[in-house]
Amino acid sequence: VPGKGKLAYLLFNQKNGFPRDRSLALEGRYVDAPESSEYHFEFPNRPWGEYVVTVYQDLNNNQKLDKNIFGIPREPVGASMNPKAVWGPPSFEDCLFKLDAKEKRLEIQLVN
């Protein structure tokens, strides 16, 4: 939903805590949701390695991913490598991308 709420991301380099535990993420941030359908996150000065990014749109600015009684997100969510939707969160391995000498551009599609 362009322009509504905040975008939140978490960057992980290990399974522990993935996808939601902010305290175990390497980095996380909330930014105003852009008016367009694109936003560019940058991760300067990260060492080469394997990482995963999770993103969600916090529509009501409560700084948490709202879920229904079955644990299904009620706000748009996504993860690096756009893994196929399954029951429950995606696997860490399905979301891995390699950060190396080449510039990376990931497109993460948020889904409801």
C-alpha atoms as a PDB file:
ATOM      1  CA  VAL A   1       0.000   0.000   0.000  1.00  0.00           C
ATOM      2  CA  PRO A   2       2.039   2.995  -1.207  1.00  0.00           C
ATOM      3  CA  GLY A   3       2.457   5.833   1.291  1.00  0.00           C
ATOM      4  CA  LYS A   4       0.775   4.091   4.226  1.00  0.00           C
ATOM      5  CA  GLY A   5       2.586   3.281   7.475  1.00  0.00           C
ATOM      6  CA  LYS A   6       6.209   2.193   7.640  1.00  0.00           C
ATOM      7  CA  LEU A   7       8.415  -0.331   5.891  1.00  0.00           C
ATOM      8  CA  ALA A   8      10.410  -2.487   8.260  1.00  0.00           C
ATOM      9  CA  TYR A   9      13.330  -4.730   7.417  1.00  0.00           C
ATOM     10  CA  LEU A  10      15.578  -7.143   9.259  1.00  0.00           C
ATOM     11  CA  LEU A  11      18.912  -8.438   7.940  1.00  0.00           C
ATOM     12  CA  PHE A  12      20.103 -11.856   9.145  1.00  0.00           C
ATOM     13  CA  ASN A  13      23.181 -13.972   8.513  1.00  0.00           C
ATOM     14  CA  GLN A  14      22.059 -17.015  10.518  1.00  0.00           C
ATOM     15  CA  LYS A  15      18.908 -19.092  11.023  1.00  0.00           C
ATOM     16  CA  ASN A  16      18.688 -18.203  14.680  1.00  0.00           C
ATOM     17  CA  GLY A  17      15.910 -15.627  15.031  1.00  0.00           C
ATOM     18  CA  PHE A  18      14.882 -15.650  11.380  1.00  0.00           C
ATOM     19  CA  PRO A  19      12.481 -14.196  10.283  1.00  0.00           C
ATOM     20  CA  ARG A  20      11.074 -12.125  13.158  1.00  0.00           C
ATOM     21  CA  ASP A  21      13.400 -11.794  16.141  1.00  0.00           C
ATOM     22  CA  ARG A  22      14.785  -8.256  15.962  1.00  0.00           C
ATOM     23  CA  SER A  23      17.230  -8.925  18.777  1.00  0.00           C
ATOM     24  CA  LEU A  24      19.048 -11.555  16.677  1.00  0.00           C
ATOM     25  CA  ALA A  25      19.110  -9.582  13.421  1.00  0.00           C
ATOM     26  CA  LEU A  26      22.321  -7.898  12.300  1.00  0.00           C
ATOM     27  CA  GLU A  27      20.416  -4.795  11.344  1.00  0.00           C
ATOM     28  CA  GLY A  28      16.853  -3.547  11.255  1.00  0.00           C
ATOM     29  CA  ARG A  29      15.093  -0.324  10.513  1.00  0.00           C
ATOM     30  CA  TYR A  30      11.703   1.327  10.057  1.00  0.00           C
ATOM     31  CA  VAL A  31      11.289   3.917   7.312  1.00  0.00           C
ATOM     32  CA  ASP A  32       8.269   5.812   6.038  1.00  0.00           C
ATOM     33  CA  ALA A  33       6.498   3.825   3.338  1.00  0.00           C
ATOM     34  CA  PRO A  34       7.272   5.462  -0.006  1.00  0.00           C
ATOM     35  CA  GLU A  35       4.559   6.941  -2.195  1.00  0.00           C
ATOM     36  CA  SER A  36       5.809   4.731  -5.034  1.00  0.00           C
ATOM     37  CA  SER A  37       5.937   0.943  -5.072  1.00  0.00           C
ATOM     38  CA  GLU A  38       9.740   0.925  -4.725  1.00  0.00           C
ATOM     39  CA  TYR A  39      12.150   1.551  -1.891  1.00  0.00           C
ATOM     40  CA  HIS A  40      15.916   1.071  -1.911  1.00  0.00           C
ATOM     41  CA  PHE A  41      17.609  -0.289   1.213  1.00  0.00           C
ATOM     42  CA  GLU A  42      21.385  -0.192   1.242  1.00  0.00           C
ATOM     43  CA  PHE A  43      23.755  -2.260   3.335  1.00  0.00           C
ATOM     44  CA  PRO A  44      27.147  -0.543   3.044  1.00  0.00           C
ATOM     45  CA  ASN A  45      30.238  -1.967   4.695  1.00  0.00           C
ATOM     46  CA  ARG A  46      28.829  -5.451   5.232  1.00  0.00           C
ATOM     47  CA  PRO A  47      31.414  -8.225   4.969  1.00  0.00           C
ATOM     48  CA  TRP A  48      31.021 -10.694   2.128  1.00  0.00           C
ATOM     49  CA  GLY A  49      28.857 -13.642   3.023  1.00  0.00           C
ATOM     50  CA  GLU A  50      25.350 -15.049   2.925  1.00  0.00           C
ATOM     51  CA  TYR A  51      22.433 -12.974   4.151  1.00  0.00           C
ATOM     52  CA  VAL A  52      18.653 -12.936   4.295  1.00  0.00           C
ATOM     53  CA  VAL A  53      16.363  -9.902   4.365  1.00  0.00           C
ATOM     54  CA  THR A  54      12.788  -9.901   5.623  1.00  0.00           C
ATOM     55  CA  VAL A  55      10.480  -6.951   4.991  1.00  0.00           C
ATOM     56  CA  TYR A  56       6.985  -6.038   6.056  1.00  0.00           C
ATOM     57  CA  GLN A  57       4.750  -3.005   5.799  1.00  0.00           C
ATOM     58  CA  ASP A  58       3.622  -1.830   9.210  1.00  0.00           C
ATOM     59  CA  LEU A  59       0.314  -0.317   8.111  1.00  0.00           C
ATOM     60  CA  ASN A  60      -0.771   0.863  11.563  1.00  0.00           C
ATOM     61  CA  ASN A  61       2.661   1.970  12.885  1.00  0.00           C
ATOM     62  CA  ASN A  62       2.588  -0.327  15.923  1.00  0.00           C
ATOM     63  CA  GLN A  63       6.121  -1.650  15.212  1.00  0.00           C
ATOM     64  CA  LYS A  64       5.070  -5.279  14.946  1.00  0.00           C
ATOM     65  CA  LEU A  65       3.802  -7.590  12.241  1.00  0.00           C
ATOM     66  CA  ASP A  66       0.091  -8.047  12.873  1.00  0.00           C
ATOM     67  CA  LYS A  67      -1.198 -11.607  12.438  1.00  0.00           C
ATOM     68  CA  ASN A  68      -4.598 -13.271  12.647  1.00  0.00           C
ATOM     69  CA  ILE A  69      -5.479 -15.968  15.193  1.00  0.00           C
ATOM     70  CA  PHE A  70      -3.863 -18.610  12.948  1.00  0.00           C
ATOM     71  CA  GLY A  71      -0.557 -16.705  12.818  1.00  0.00           C
ATOM     72  CA  ILE A  72      -1.031 -15.573   9.211  1.00  0.00           C
ATOM     73  CA  PRO A  73       0.232 -12.018   8.609  1.00  0.00           C
ATOM     74  CA  ARG A  74      -2.434  -9.350   8.123  1.00  0.00           C
ATOM     75  CA  GLU A  75       0.120  -6.888   6.749  1.00  0.00           C
ATOM     76  CA  PRO A  76       2.156  -7.177   3.537  1.00  0.00           C
ATOM     77  CA  VAL A  77       5.323  -9.290   3.983  1.00  0.00           C
ATOM     78  CA  GLY A  78       8.241 -10.441   1.855  1.00  0.00           C
ATOM     79  CA  ALA A  79      11.719 -11.920   1.983  1.00  0.00           C
ATOM     80  CA  SER A  80      14.810 -11.939  -0.182  1.00  0.00           C
ATOM     81  CA  MET A  81      14.661 -14.295  -3.146  1.00  0.00           C
ATOM     82  CA  ASN A  82      10.811 -14.141  -3.012  1.00  0.00           C
ATOM     83  CA  PRO A  83      10.273 -17.726  -1.817  1.00  0.00           C
ATOM     84  CA  LYS A  84       6.994 -19.410  -2.706  1.00  0.00           C
ATOM     85  CA  ALA A  85       4.217 -19.011  -0.176  1.00  0.00           C
ATOM     86  CA  VAL A  86       3.888 -21.919   2.233  1.00  0.00           C
ATOM     87  CA  TRP A  87       2.118 -22.462   5.527  1.00  0.00           C
ATOM     88  CA  GLY A  88       4.362 -20.686   7.983  1.00  0.00           C
ATOM     89  CA  PRO A  89       7.434 -18.535   7.409  1.00  0.00           C
ATOM     90  CA  PRO A  90       9.816 -19.266   4.530  1.00  0.00           C
ATOM     91  CA  SER A  91      12.946 -21.280   5.185  1.00  0.00           C
ATOM     92  CA  PHE A  92      16.203 -19.455   5.769  1.00  0.00           C
ATOM     93  CA  GLU A  93      17.860 -21.397   2.938  1.00  0.00           C
ATOM     94  CA  ASP A  94      15.172 -20.345   0.416  1.00  0.00           C
ATOM     95  CA  CYS A  95      15.886 -16.671   1.147  1.00  0.00           C
ATOM     96  CA  LEU A  96      19.718 -16.669   1.102  1.00  0.00           C
ATOM     97  CA  PHE A  97      21.630 -14.362  -1.181  1.00  0.00           C
ATOM     98  CA  LYS A  98      25.394 -13.959  -1.470  1.00  0.00           C
ATOM     99  CA  LEU A  99      27.021 -10.619  -0.902  1.00  0.00           C
ATOM    100  CA  ASP A 100      30.335 -10.479  -2.723  1.00  0.00           C
ATOM    101  CA  ALA A 101      32.384  -8.159  -4.937  1.00  0.00           C
ATOM    102  CA  LYS A 102      29.518  -7.746  -7.396  1.00  0.00           C
ATOM    103  CA  GLU A 103      26.855  -5.125  -6.787  1.00  0.00           C
ATOM    104  CA  LYS A 104      23.561  -6.755  -5.815  1.00  0.00           C
ATOM    105  CA  ARG A 105      20.056  -5.629  -6.451  1.00  0.00           C
ATOM    106  CA  LEU A 106      17.265  -7.624  -4.875  1.00  0.00           C
ATOM    107  CA  GLU A 107      13.626  -7.114  -5.664  1.00  0.00           C
ATOM    108  CA  ILE A 108      11.383  -8.172  -2.822  1.00  0.00           C
ATOM    109  CA  GLN A 109       7.695  -8.374  -3.552  1.00  0.00           C
ATOM    110  CA  LEU A 110       5.391  -7.810  -0.604  1.00  0.00           C
ATOM    111  CA  VAL A 111       2.347 -10.049  -0.499  1.00  0.00           C
ATOM    112  CA  ASN A 112      -0.767 -10.016   1.622  1.00  0.00           C
END
